[in-house]
Protein backbone atom coordinates (compact mmCIF):
# COMPACT_ATOMS: atom_id res chain seq x y z
CA MET A 1 73.66 59.33 78.14
CA PRO A 2 75.57 62.23 79.40
CA PRO A 3 78.71 62.96 77.74
CA ALA A 4 81.65 61.16 78.86
CA ILE A 5 83.73 63.43 81.11
CA LYS A 6 87.48 63.93 79.96
CA ARG A 7 89.89 63.15 82.82
CA LYS A 8 93.02 65.37 82.96
CA LYS A 9 95.94 63.62 82.38
CA ALA A 10 98.30 62.92 85.24
CA GLU A 11 101.05 64.99 85.48
CA GLY A 12 103.16 63.22 87.73
CA GLN A 13 103.07 65.80 90.71
CA TRP A 14 104.03 64.25 93.71
CA ALA A 15 102.13 66.67 96.06
CA LEU A 16 99.03 65.22 94.11
CA GLY A 17 99.87 61.57 95.00
CA TYR A 18 101.28 60.72 91.49
CA ARG A 19 104.67 58.91 92.92
CA GLU A 20 104.87 56.38 89.95
CA PRO A 21 107.59 57.41 87.53
CA LEU A 22 105.61 58.28 84.05
CA ASN A 23 108.73 58.09 82.10
CA LYS A 24 112.24 56.58 81.87
CA ASN A 25 114.17 59.45 83.09
CA GLU A 26 111.79 59.28 86.32
CA GLU A 27 112.07 55.87 86.68
CA ASN A 28 116.08 56.13 86.63
CA LYS A 29 115.78 58.66 89.22
CA LYS A 30 113.58 56.53 91.28
CA ASN A 31 115.87 53.51 90.81
CA ASP A 32 119.11 55.29 92.32
CA ASP A 33 119.83 58.76 93.24
CA GLY A 34 122.20 60.29 90.72
CA LEU A 35 124.30 61.43 93.62
CA ASN A 36 125.26 58.06 94.39
CA VAL A 37 126.98 57.59 90.99
CA ARG A 38 130.10 59.36 92.60
CA ARG A 39 131.00 56.36 94.71
CA ARG A 40 130.61 53.87 91.51
CA ILE A 41 132.80 56.28 89.23
CA ILE A 42 135.59 56.28 92.17
CA GLU A 43 135.32 52.62 92.93
CA ILE A 44 134.47 51.14 89.86
CA TYR A 45 134.53 52.68 86.37
CA SER A 46 137.56 54.84 86.81
CA LYS A 47 139.05 51.46 87.38
CA ALA A 48 137.53 49.34 84.97
CA GLY A 49 137.42 51.77 81.96
CA PHE A 50 134.42 53.21 80.05
CA ASP A 51 133.06 49.87 78.80
CA SER A 52 132.35 48.97 82.51
CA ILE A 53 129.95 52.20 82.74
CA ASP A 54 126.28 51.27 83.29
CA PRO A 55 124.24 52.83 80.44
CA ALA A 56 121.74 54.32 83.06
CA ASP A 57 124.73 55.98 84.67
CA LEU A 58 126.51 56.95 81.29
CA ARG A 59 123.54 58.75 79.59
CA GLY A 60 121.82 59.76 83.22
CA ARG A 61 123.30 59.88 86.60
CA PHE A 62 126.88 61.18 85.49
CA ARG A 63 125.21 64.58 84.91
CA TRP A 64 124.89 64.80 88.65
CA MET A 65 128.48 64.94 88.96
CA GLY A 66 128.79 67.64 86.00
CA LEU A 67 129.84 65.16 83.29
CA TYR A 68 128.44 64.53 79.62
CA THR A 69 129.81 62.56 77.07
CA GLN A 70 131.16 64.65 74.05
CA ARG A 71 130.27 64.07 70.54
CA LYS A 72 132.39 61.64 68.59
CA PRO A 73 134.68 63.92 66.10
CA GLY A 74 133.69 63.57 62.30
CA ILE A 75 129.75 63.01 62.73
CA ASP A 76 127.97 65.93 60.69
CA GLY A 77 124.97 67.93 61.83
CA GLY A 78 122.59 66.36 59.47
CA ARG A 79 123.08 63.08 61.32
CA THR A 80 122.43 64.78 64.88
CA GLY A 81 118.82 63.53 65.27
CA ALA A 82 118.98 60.35 63.41
CA LEU A 83 121.55 58.31 65.66
CA GLU A 84 121.30 56.94 68.94
CA ASP A 85 123.50 58.36 71.60
CA GLU A 86 125.90 55.33 71.84
CA GLU A 87 126.47 56.03 67.90
CA LEU A 88 126.78 59.99 68.51
CA GLU A 89 129.01 59.56 71.72
CA ASP A 90 132.93 59.57 72.30
CA ARG A 91 134.65 57.45 74.93
CA TYR A 92 135.68 61.15 76.34
CA PHE A 93 133.73 63.70 78.54
CA MET A 94 132.81 67.12 79.11
CA LEU A 95 133.13 68.14 82.86
CA ARG A 96 131.62 71.24 84.16
CA VAL A 97 133.30 72.90 87.15
CA ARG A 98 130.84 74.75 89.46
CA ILE A 99 131.98 78.14 89.80
CA ASP A 100 128.81 79.74 92.41
CA GLY A 101 128.67 83.31 92.03
CA GLY A 102 131.73 83.15 89.39
CA GLN A 103 134.22 83.71 92.41
CA LEU A 104 137.69 82.25 92.08
CA SER A 105 140.68 82.57 94.50
CA GLY A 106 144.24 82.44 93.27
CA PRO A 107 144.54 78.82 94.17
CA GLN A 108 141.31 77.82 92.55
CA LEU A 109 142.13 79.17 89.17
CA ARG A 110 145.66 77.79 89.38
CA ALA A 111 143.94 74.30 90.19
CA VAL A 112 141.41 74.63 87.20
CA ALA A 113 144.40 75.64 84.83
CA ASP A 114 146.27 72.65 85.97
CA VAL A 115 143.41 70.08 85.65
CA SER A 116 142.73 71.68 82.22
CA THR A 117 146.51 71.01 81.05
CA ARG A 118 146.85 67.66 82.75
CA TYR A 119 143.73 65.88 82.08
CA ALA A 120 141.69 67.89 79.50
CA ARG A 121 144.15 68.51 76.66
CA GLY A 122 144.36 71.93 77.84
CA THR A 123 140.78 72.91 76.98
CA ALA A 124 138.79 75.39 78.87
CA ASP A 125 135.45 77.44 77.79
CA VAL A 126 133.87 80.19 80.14
CA THR A 127 130.21 79.22 80.13
CA ASP A 128 127.00 81.68 80.08
CA ARG A 129 126.51 80.49 83.67
CA GLN A 130 129.98 81.34 85.30
CA ASN A 131 131.27 77.65 84.99
CA ILE A 132 134.38 76.42 83.31
CA GLN A 133 133.71 73.59 81.36
CA LEU A 134 136.67 71.19 80.12
CA HIS A 135 136.73 68.44 77.31
CA TRP A 136 138.76 65.30 76.44
CA VAL A 137 138.39 64.02 80.16
CA ARG A 138 138.83 60.23 80.53
CA ILE A 139 136.60 58.27 83.06
CA GLU A 140 140.22 56.90 84.31
CA ASP A 141 141.23 60.66 85.38
CA VAL A 142 137.86 61.88 87.00
CA PRO A 143 138.77 60.88 90.52
CA ALA A 144 142.07 62.52 90.38
CA ILE A 145 140.30 65.67 88.99
CA TRP A 146 137.77 65.87 91.88
CA GLU A 147 140.98 65.46 94.29
CA ALA A 148 142.39 68.36 92.69
CA LEU A 149 139.40 70.55 92.71
CA GLU A 150 137.92 69.72 95.93
CA ALA A 151 141.44 70.43 97.52
CA VAL A 152 140.80 74.02 97.00
CA GLY A 153 137.22 74.27 97.59
CA LEU A 154 135.75 73.54 94.17
CA HIS A 155 133.80 70.75 92.84
CA THR A 156 131.45 69.23 90.14
CA THR A 157 128.74 68.21 92.38
CA GLU A 158 125.18 68.96 90.57
CA ALA A 159 126.74 71.03 87.61
CA CYS A 160 124.03 68.95 85.21
CA GLY A 161 121.25 66.82 85.91
CA ASP A 162 117.53 67.47 87.50
CA VAL A 163 118.83 69.46 90.16
CA PRO A 164 119.95 72.98 91.62
CA ARG A 165 122.32 74.03 89.18
CA VAL A 166 125.13 76.48 89.64
CA ILE A 167 123.96 79.58 91.24
CA ILE A 168 124.93 82.61 89.68
CA GLY A 169 125.77 85.90 91.30
CA CYS A 170 127.02 89.32 90.24
CA PRO A 171 130.87 88.98 89.95
CA LEU A 172 131.30 92.15 91.73
CA ALA A 173 129.13 90.88 94.94
CA GLY A 174 130.62 92.59 97.94
CA ILE A 175 132.94 95.02 95.65
CA ALA A 176 130.74 97.15 93.26
CA ALA A 177 130.63 100.72 94.49
CA ASP A 178 126.97 101.07 93.57
CA GLU A 179 125.52 97.59 94.50
CA VAL A 180 122.24 97.52 96.30
CA ILE A 181 123.18 94.53 98.48
CA ASP A 182 126.09 91.95 98.52
CA ALA A 183 124.37 88.55 98.06
CA THR A 184 127.37 86.42 98.65
CA PRO A 185 126.08 85.10 102.31
CA GLN A 186 122.88 84.26 100.98
CA LEU A 187 124.16 82.51 98.06
CA ARG A 188 126.76 80.40 99.76
CA ASP A 189 124.25 79.44 102.60
CA VAL A 190 122.10 77.98 99.95
CA HIS A 191 125.09 76.38 98.43
CA ASP A 192 126.61 74.68 101.66
CA ARG A 193 122.85 73.54 102.87
CA TYR A 194 121.36 72.07 99.74
CA ILE A 195 123.97 71.65 96.71
CA GLY A 196 124.49 67.70 97.04
CA SER A 197 121.59 67.15 99.40
CA PRO A 198 119.23 64.25 98.71
CA GLU A 199 116.36 66.83 99.55
CA PHE A 200 116.63 68.47 96.23
CA SER A 201 118.50 65.57 94.06
CA ASN A 202 115.46 64.50 92.13
CA LEU A 203 113.75 67.41 90.71
CA PRO A 204 111.60 67.36 87.81
CA ARG A 205 114.19 68.99 85.60
CA LYS A 206 117.12 71.51 86.07
CA PHE A 207 116.85 74.57 88.21
CA LYS A 208 118.73 77.59 87.59
CA THR A 209 119.19 80.21 90.74
CA ALA A 210 120.29 83.72 90.63
CA MET A 211 120.73 85.65 93.41
CA SER A 212 122.22 89.36 92.94
CA GLY A 213 122.13 92.70 94.33
CA CYS A 214 123.67 94.27 90.98
CA THR A 215 122.55 97.60 89.53
CA ALA A 216 123.48 96.18 86.07
CA HIS A 217 121.15 93.11 86.59
CA CYS A 218 124.14 91.38 85.27
CA THR A 219 122.43 87.68 86.52
CA VAL A 220 119.65 88.25 83.98
CA HIS A 221 117.03 87.30 86.62
CA GLU A 222 114.36 87.40 83.59
CA ILE A 223 115.26 84.06 82.45
CA ASN A 224 116.16 81.92 85.80
CA ASP A 225 113.86 79.31 87.57
CA ILE A 226 114.27 81.37 90.83
CA ALA A 227 115.93 84.89 91.05
CA PHE A 228 116.71 87.06 94.10
CA VAL A 229 117.06 90.96 92.76
CA GLY A 230 118.11 93.43 95.21
CA VAL A 231 115.86 96.10 96.21
CA VAL A 232 115.33 98.79 98.85
CA ASN A 233 111.97 99.01 100.28
CA GLU A 234 109.89 102.15 101.41
CA ALA A 235 111.76 101.68 104.89
CA GLY A 236 114.80 102.05 103.30
CA GLU A 237 115.75 98.49 104.24
CA THR A 238 117.66 96.18 101.78
CA GLY A 239 116.40 93.05 100.65
CA TYR A 240 115.19 91.05 97.53
CA GLN A 241 112.20 91.12 94.77
CA LEU A 242 111.66 87.18 93.89
CA PHE A 243 111.00 86.35 90.43
CA VAL A 244 110.01 82.94 89.40
CA GLY A 245 109.39 81.03 86.41
CA GLY A 246 111.65 82.06 83.81
CA GLY A 247 113.43 79.96 80.92
CA LEU A 248 114.18 79.74 77.56
CA SER A 249 114.67 76.72 75.28
CA THR A 250 111.82 76.09 72.96
CA ASN A 251 109.30 77.55 74.67
CA PRO A 252 110.57 80.71 76.17
CA MET A 253 109.12 82.29 79.14
CA PHE A 254 109.88 85.30 81.14
CA ALA A 255 110.09 85.03 84.95
CA GLN A 256 107.20 86.72 87.01
CA SER A 257 107.53 88.96 90.09
CA LEU A 258 105.97 87.70 93.12
CA GLY A 259 105.79 91.09 94.31
CA VAL A 260 107.03 90.63 97.66
CA PHE A 261 109.99 91.68 99.83
CA VAL A 262 112.54 88.94 101.09
CA LYS A 263 114.65 89.98 103.71
CA PRO A 264 118.44 88.65 103.46
CA GLU A 265 117.71 86.39 106.61
CA GLN A 266 114.49 84.89 105.06
CA ALA A 267 116.18 84.23 101.41
CA THR A 268 117.58 80.67 102.23
CA GLU A 269 114.11 79.72 103.52
CA VAL A 270 112.14 81.33 100.71
CA TRP A 271 114.54 79.48 98.30
CA HIS A 272 114.04 76.14 99.94
CA GLY A 273 110.39 76.62 99.51
CA VAL A 274 110.50 77.79 96.20
CA THR A 275 112.37 74.85 95.48
CA SER A 276 110.30 72.29 97.18
CA ILE A 277 107.18 73.73 95.14
CA PHE A 278 108.97 72.73 91.96
CA ARG A 279 109.95 69.34 93.46
CA ASP A 280 106.38 68.45 94.79
CA TYR A 281 104.25 70.17 92.24
CA GLY A 282 106.51 70.14 88.88
CA TYR A 283 105.30 68.42 86.01
CA ARG A 284 107.04 64.85 85.54
CA ARG A 285 104.79 63.34 83.14
CA LEU A 286 106.46 64.99 80.15
CA ARG A 287 110.37 65.92 79.90
CA SER A 288 109.24 68.99 77.68
CA ARG A 289 106.90 70.35 80.24
CA ALA A 290 109.10 69.81 83.08
CA ARG A 291 110.62 72.98 84.01
CA LEU A 292 109.23 75.44 86.37
CA LYS A 293 108.12 77.85 84.05
CA PHE A 294 105.12 75.49 83.12
CA LEU A 295 103.84 75.36 86.51
CA MET A 296 104.07 79.17 87.24
CA LYS A 297 102.24 79.79 83.67
CA ASP A 298 99.33 77.62 84.49
CA TRP A 299 99.46 78.79 88.31
CA GLY A 300 100.17 82.42 87.89
CA ALA A 301 102.25 84.58 90.43
CA GLN A 302 99.30 85.16 92.78
CA LYS A 303 98.57 81.21 93.37
CA PHE A 304 102.22 80.74 93.54
CA ARG A 305 102.56 83.01 96.07
CA GLU A 306 99.71 82.03 98.25
CA VAL A 307 101.20 78.35 97.96
CA LEU A 308 104.57 79.63 98.95
CA GLU A 309 103.32 81.27 101.85
CA LYS A 310 100.93 78.86 103.50
CA GLU A 311 102.32 75.63 102.52
CA TYR A 312 105.80 76.09 102.67
CA LEU A 313 106.76 78.99 104.55
CA GLY A 314 104.16 79.45 107.14
CA TYR A 315 104.09 83.24 106.94
CA ALA A 316 103.28 86.07 104.74
CA LEU A 317 105.82 87.93 102.87
CA PRO A 318 105.01 91.92 102.67
CA ASP A 319 104.55 93.43 99.38
CA GLY A 320 107.97 94.82 97.71
CA PRO A 321 109.17 97.28 95.27
CA GLU A 322 110.19 96.21 91.71
CA PRO A 323 113.80 96.73 90.83
CA ALA A 324 115.40 99.53 88.80
CA ALA A 325 115.80 99.28 84.91
CA PRO A 326 118.83 97.30 84.13
CA LEU A 327 121.76 98.94 82.30
CA PRO A 328 122.13 98.28 78.32
CA ARG A 329 125.21 96.45 78.80
CA ARG A 330 125.55 94.07 81.57
CA ASP A 331 128.94 92.60 81.58
CA HIS A 332 131.10 94.47 83.60
CA VAL A 333 133.92 94.81 80.87
CA GLY A 334 136.49 97.84 81.33
CA ILE A 335 138.35 99.39 84.18
CA HIS A 336 135.75 100.55 87.02
CA PRO A 337 136.12 101.68 90.37
CA GLN A 338 135.52 99.50 93.73
CA ARG A 339 134.09 100.33 96.90
CA ASP A 340 137.51 100.14 98.74
CA GLY A 341 139.28 102.86 96.27
CA ASN A 342 140.63 99.97 93.81
CA PHE A 343 139.67 99.00 90.52
CA TYR A 344 138.35 95.96 88.82
CA VAL A 345 139.54 95.20 85.30
CA GLY A 346 136.95 93.21 83.14
CA PHE A 347 138.29 91.70 79.85
CA ALA A 348 136.70 89.59 76.63
CA PRO A 349 137.92 86.24 75.71
CA ARG A 350 136.23 85.64 72.41
CA VAL A 351 132.93 83.58 73.05
CA GLY A 352 134.52 82.32 76.39
CA ARG A 353 137.24 80.23 75.05
CA VAL A 354 140.09 80.11 76.98
CA SER A 355 142.85 77.09 77.67
CA GLY A 356 144.45 75.71 80.69
CA GLU A 357 147.57 77.70 79.63
CA LEU A 358 145.72 80.87 79.18
CA LEU A 359 144.26 80.69 82.74
CA GLY A 360 147.66 80.00 84.24
CA VAL A 361 148.46 83.41 82.64
CA ILE A 362 145.45 84.93 84.19
CA GLY A 363 146.13 83.76 87.35
CA ASP A 364 149.52 85.28 86.97
CA LEU A 365 148.28 88.50 86.24
CA ALA A 366 145.78 88.75 88.82
CA GLU A 367 148.44 87.98 91.50
CA ARG A 368 151.02 90.52 90.16
CA TYR A 369 148.60 93.29 89.53
CA GLY A 370 145.82 92.62 92.11
CA SER A 371 145.05 90.27 95.20
CA GLY A 372 144.69 86.75 93.00
CA ARG A 373 141.12 87.05 93.07
CA VAL A 374 139.24 86.46 89.79
CA ARG A 375 135.67 86.36 88.64
CA THR A 376 133.80 85.01 86.06
CA THR A 377 130.50 86.62 84.16
CA ILE A 378 127.40 85.15 82.60
CA GLU A 379 128.44 86.79 79.35
CA GLN A 380 131.67 84.34 78.83
CA LYS A 381 133.70 87.17 80.15
CA MET A 382 136.38 87.34 83.00
CA VAL A 383 137.30 89.99 85.78
CA ILE A 384 140.57 90.72 87.79
CA LEU A 385 139.49 92.61 91.06
CA ASP A 386 141.88 94.44 93.64
CA VAL A 387 144.00 96.52 91.24
CA PRO A 388 145.47 99.81 92.35
CA GLU A 389 144.28 102.31 90.01
CA GLU A 390 147.80 103.19 88.88
CA LYS A 391 148.38 99.70 87.61
CA THR A 392 145.20 99.26 85.74
CA GLU A 393 146.43 100.41 82.14
CA GLU A 394 149.68 98.41 82.46
CA LEU A 395 147.23 95.27 83.65
CA ALA A 396 145.24 96.23 80.19
CA GLY A 397 148.27 96.10 78.05
CA GLU A 398 149.32 92.81 79.45
CA LEU A 399 146.11 91.38 78.81
CA ALA A 400 146.05 92.80 75.44
CA LYS A 401 149.26 90.60 74.51
CA HIS A 402 147.16 87.50 75.30
CA ASP A 403 144.31 88.63 73.21
CA LEU A 404 142.21 89.66 76.40
CA GLN A 405 140.60 92.86 75.19
CA VAL A 406 139.56 95.30 77.96
CA ARG A 407 138.20 97.81 75.67
CA PRO A 408 137.00 95.27 72.90
CA SER A 409 134.70 96.13 70.34
CA THR A 410 130.83 95.69 70.50
CA PHE A 411 131.16 92.65 68.47
CA ARG A 412 133.98 91.09 70.46
CA ARG A 413 132.15 92.24 73.90
CA GLN A 414 128.58 91.11 72.90
CA THR A 415 128.72 87.83 71.00
CA MET A 416 128.19 84.62 73.07
CA ALA A 417 128.12 81.03 71.67
CA CYS A 418 127.30 77.84 73.32
CA THR A 419 129.27 74.82 72.78
CA GLY A 420 128.27 73.54 69.31
CA ILE A 421 128.94 70.76 67.07
CA GLU A 422 132.58 70.44 68.14
CA TYR A 423 131.38 68.75 71.41
CA CYS A 424 127.63 68.57 71.83
CA LYS A 425 125.68 65.86 70.82
CA LEU A 426 122.59 68.05 70.48
CA ALA A 427 124.37 70.29 68.08
CA ILE A 428 123.75 70.82 64.51
CA THR A 429 126.02 73.74 63.51
CA ASP A 430 129.50 74.78 64.43
CA THR A 431 129.31 77.63 66.62
CA LYS A 432 132.61 78.67 68.70
CA GLN A 433 135.04 78.66 65.74
CA ARG A 434 132.08 80.40 63.39
CA SER A 435 131.38 83.15 66.03
CA MET A 436 135.35 83.87 66.38
CA ASP A 437 135.57 84.18 62.64
CA LEU A 438 132.31 86.41 62.75
CA ILE A 439 134.12 88.64 65.22
CA ASP A 440 137.19 89.22 63.49
CA GLU A 441 135.46 89.97 60.19
CA LEU A 442 133.07 92.48 61.79
CA GLU A 443 135.83 94.25 63.51
CA ARG A 444 137.41 94.34 60.02
CA ARG A 445 134.22 95.50 58.20
CA LEU A 446 132.69 97.64 60.74
CA PRO A 447 135.52 99.42 62.71
CA ASP A 448 133.71 102.45 63.93
CA PHE A 449 130.48 100.53 65.02
CA ASP A 450 129.79 101.29 68.73
CA GLN A 451 126.45 100.74 69.45
CA PRO A 452 125.42 97.83 72.34
CA LEU A 453 124.49 94.88 69.91
CA THR A 454 124.35 91.41 71.17
CA ILE A 455 124.74 88.29 68.85
CA ASN A 456 123.71 85.16 70.37
CA VAL A 457 125.05 82.11 68.22
CA ASN A 458 123.46 78.53 69.24
CA GLY A 459 123.89 75.26 67.60
CA CYS A 460 120.63 73.68 68.11
CA PRO A 461 117.07 75.09 69.31
CA ASN A 462 117.73 74.49 73.06
CA ALA A 463 119.02 77.86 73.33
CA CYS A 464 122.03 77.26 75.81
CA ALA A 465 123.16 80.67 74.29
CA ARG A 466 120.06 82.69 74.73
CA ILE A 467 119.19 83.35 71.36
CA GLN A 468 115.44 84.35 71.94
CA VAL A 469 116.77 87.40 74.09
CA ALA A 470 119.56 88.47 71.85
CA ASP A 471 119.53 91.58 69.61
CA ILE A 472 120.53 88.96 66.61
CA GLY A 473 119.80 85.69 67.75
CA LEU A 474 121.05 82.51 65.53
CA LYS A 475 119.52 79.19 66.08
CA GLY A 476 121.50 76.24 64.12
CA GLN A 477 119.65 74.20 61.53
CA LEU A 478 120.46 72.85 58.07
CA VAL A 479 119.47 75.09 55.32
CA LEU A 480 119.44 74.97 51.60
CA ASP A 481 122.02 76.72 49.77
CA GLU A 482 122.06 78.48 46.54
CA ASN A 483 122.27 75.33 44.96
CA GLY A 484 119.84 73.63 46.68
CA ASP A 485 122.08 71.74 48.76
CA GLN A 486 121.65 71.31 52.43
CA VAL A 487 124.36 73.00 54.28
CA GLU A 488 124.95 74.23 57.92
CA GLY A 489 123.01 77.44 58.48
CA PHE A 490 121.00 79.58 61.18
CA GLN A 491 117.47 80.71 61.73
CA ILE A 492 117.58 84.32 62.60
CA HIS A 493 115.60 85.69 65.34
CA LEU A 494 115.85 89.65 65.84
CA GLY A 495 115.18 92.13 68.14
CA GLY A 496 115.07 90.22 71.49
CA GLN A 497 114.89 92.01 74.92
CA LEU A 498 115.55 90.30 78.29
CA GLY A 499 112.38 90.93 80.40
CA ALA A 500 110.71 92.75 77.35
CA SER A 501 110.21 90.79 74.28
CA PHE A 502 111.39 87.82 72.58
CA GLY A 503 113.48 87.90 69.27
CA LYS A 504 111.12 88.51 66.28
CA LYS A 505 111.40 85.62 63.63
CA VAL A 506 111.03 86.76 59.97
CA ARG A 507 109.13 84.41 57.64
CA GLY A 508 112.00 82.58 55.82
CA LEU A 509 114.79 84.63 57.47
CA LYS A 510 117.60 82.13 57.46
CA THR A 511 121.24 82.17 56.47
CA THR A 512 124.09 79.46 55.61
CA SER A 513 127.17 79.80 57.59
CA ALA A 514 129.10 80.91 54.80
CA GLY A 515 126.90 83.79 54.46
CA LEU A 516 126.73 84.72 57.92
CA THR A 517 129.08 87.54 58.09
CA ASP A 518 127.43 89.00 54.99
CA TYR A 519 123.95 89.05 56.39
CA VAL A 520 124.78 90.61 59.69
CA GLU A 521 127.11 93.24 58.26
CA ARG A 522 124.08 94.24 55.97
CA ILE A 523 121.45 94.25 58.75
CA VAL A 524 123.95 96.21 60.99
CA ARG A 525 124.63 98.81 58.38
CA THR A 526 120.95 99.34 57.96
CA TYR A 527 120.43 99.79 61.42
CA ASP A 528 123.21 102.03 62.10
CA LYS A 529 121.68 104.38 59.02
CA GLN A 530 118.29 104.31 60.38
CA ARG A 531 118.40 104.48 63.82
CA GLY A 532 117.22 107.64 65.86
CA GLU A 533 119.04 109.31 68.37
CA GLY A 534 119.48 106.57 71.55
CA GLU A 535 117.46 104.06 69.55
CA SER A 536 118.24 100.59 70.69
CA PHE A 537 118.45 97.81 67.75
CA ALA A 538 115.53 95.94 69.30
CA ASP A 539 113.16 99.06 69.00
CA TRP A 540 114.48 99.82 65.84
CA VAL A 541 113.51 96.26 64.60
CA ARG A 542 110.31 96.86 65.79
CA ARG A 543 109.32 99.49 63.54
CA ALA A 544 111.63 98.66 60.92
CA ASP A 545 110.14 97.52 57.30
CA GLU A 546 110.49 93.79 56.94
CA SER A 547 112.60 94.27 53.61
CA ASP A 548 115.12 96.20 56.08
CA LEU A 549 115.47 92.89 58.07
CA GLN A 550 116.64 90.70 55.17
């Protein structure tokens, strides 16, 4: 008898006819569009309270409105994977406010500050995707929060969930003197047409977009699902190169260039086509393989381009140039000229941690010294725009009074941290406070170190803080201390570089939380001593002896 033919498992791709849900998440999405939960929150749950919430909404569809239950206080990291959601979760919520392009007007910033103070115990974190995240939110207060945000043009729709998440953009779009193209019109067009639309409210997984003409490449196009990167073609026209299929988490992959030139007026249609490919061809059988990067890995850039052009656009895109190399630092911190003769002032909260009160102060300063316009960055930093040159130093001094540094140390400037065990149900370790303590101690121990150096701290393996592309990436896990006891600690990744290589994992290289500062100090001192002229940390890691990395 001939050998049996092994059939490939169905991946749940809609375009191939696999429309029946293959897991519980897909079943929940088929049963009811996540966008419909808004009405139930307003009409039922906010009035009847937490106990009235349907579990399928609570742990699923609430995300479509930017809501997650936060971690119940007092549950240590050793129990994270052992407890069910209902045992881990508190009766309060994390609420993520979408800030597409990082753009905030004065009234918008004040509205977020007021919501934080009135409804979120004063909490506020700037995330590494330009959002502002609030905590301790009660379900009873959500409609009032939405009303306050929507009155100034903000919202939380599709801030989480299997949908197009916040569209990140350069905080200096339309402002920077050296930008290739202002992507704001394209970003706004995509947002206004498709965010909150049922057309894309059931994607296989989350979908992350970047649109920018920034010469620093501050939107890290290399790790987004789709990225439009400003370029100039041979004819001198400005447009975009298109990158598809980036993402980190437990299977990191860099986005691939499709090698095309996208005219500004084509950008929305091209975004629609790529997003439709993900919706129709994306893998829905396993959540762990449902991101667009897995489809791109299997197809390759050439096939993806062909499907996009033939099945979704109906026309061929011309070949286009690749973008110029990025700058060593992509964060827009400091005092720099705008194209209109004014200046922008970028400053560094510690790992994005602010508060409602502090946001109010920033709003006051932005109005006093600028036009009131403020921007968030994907490095958990902020920027005040439109400051006359003669007022920049005075503003820097006022910000410093509130521990907001315009000329921060390398450690303050380039350390980021995810939410961590303080609020996140997935976390194993503390991140925010641990990172702030690390910054303070490194500034004391290494006051003269000024080389670019990223330190990214994550509380679990999911890479929200982009650990694989950091110079020093720290992945939270339980480790054994010198007494053999299980304690909070970190696996260490070294020498990650966006678009080039993921961080190197040295066998057995871990540290306890208590020993973290000593380890970072030791390896930074070794690098500073051994580095050649202009040699980056990542380049040094690639040539260093393994003993020097311990």
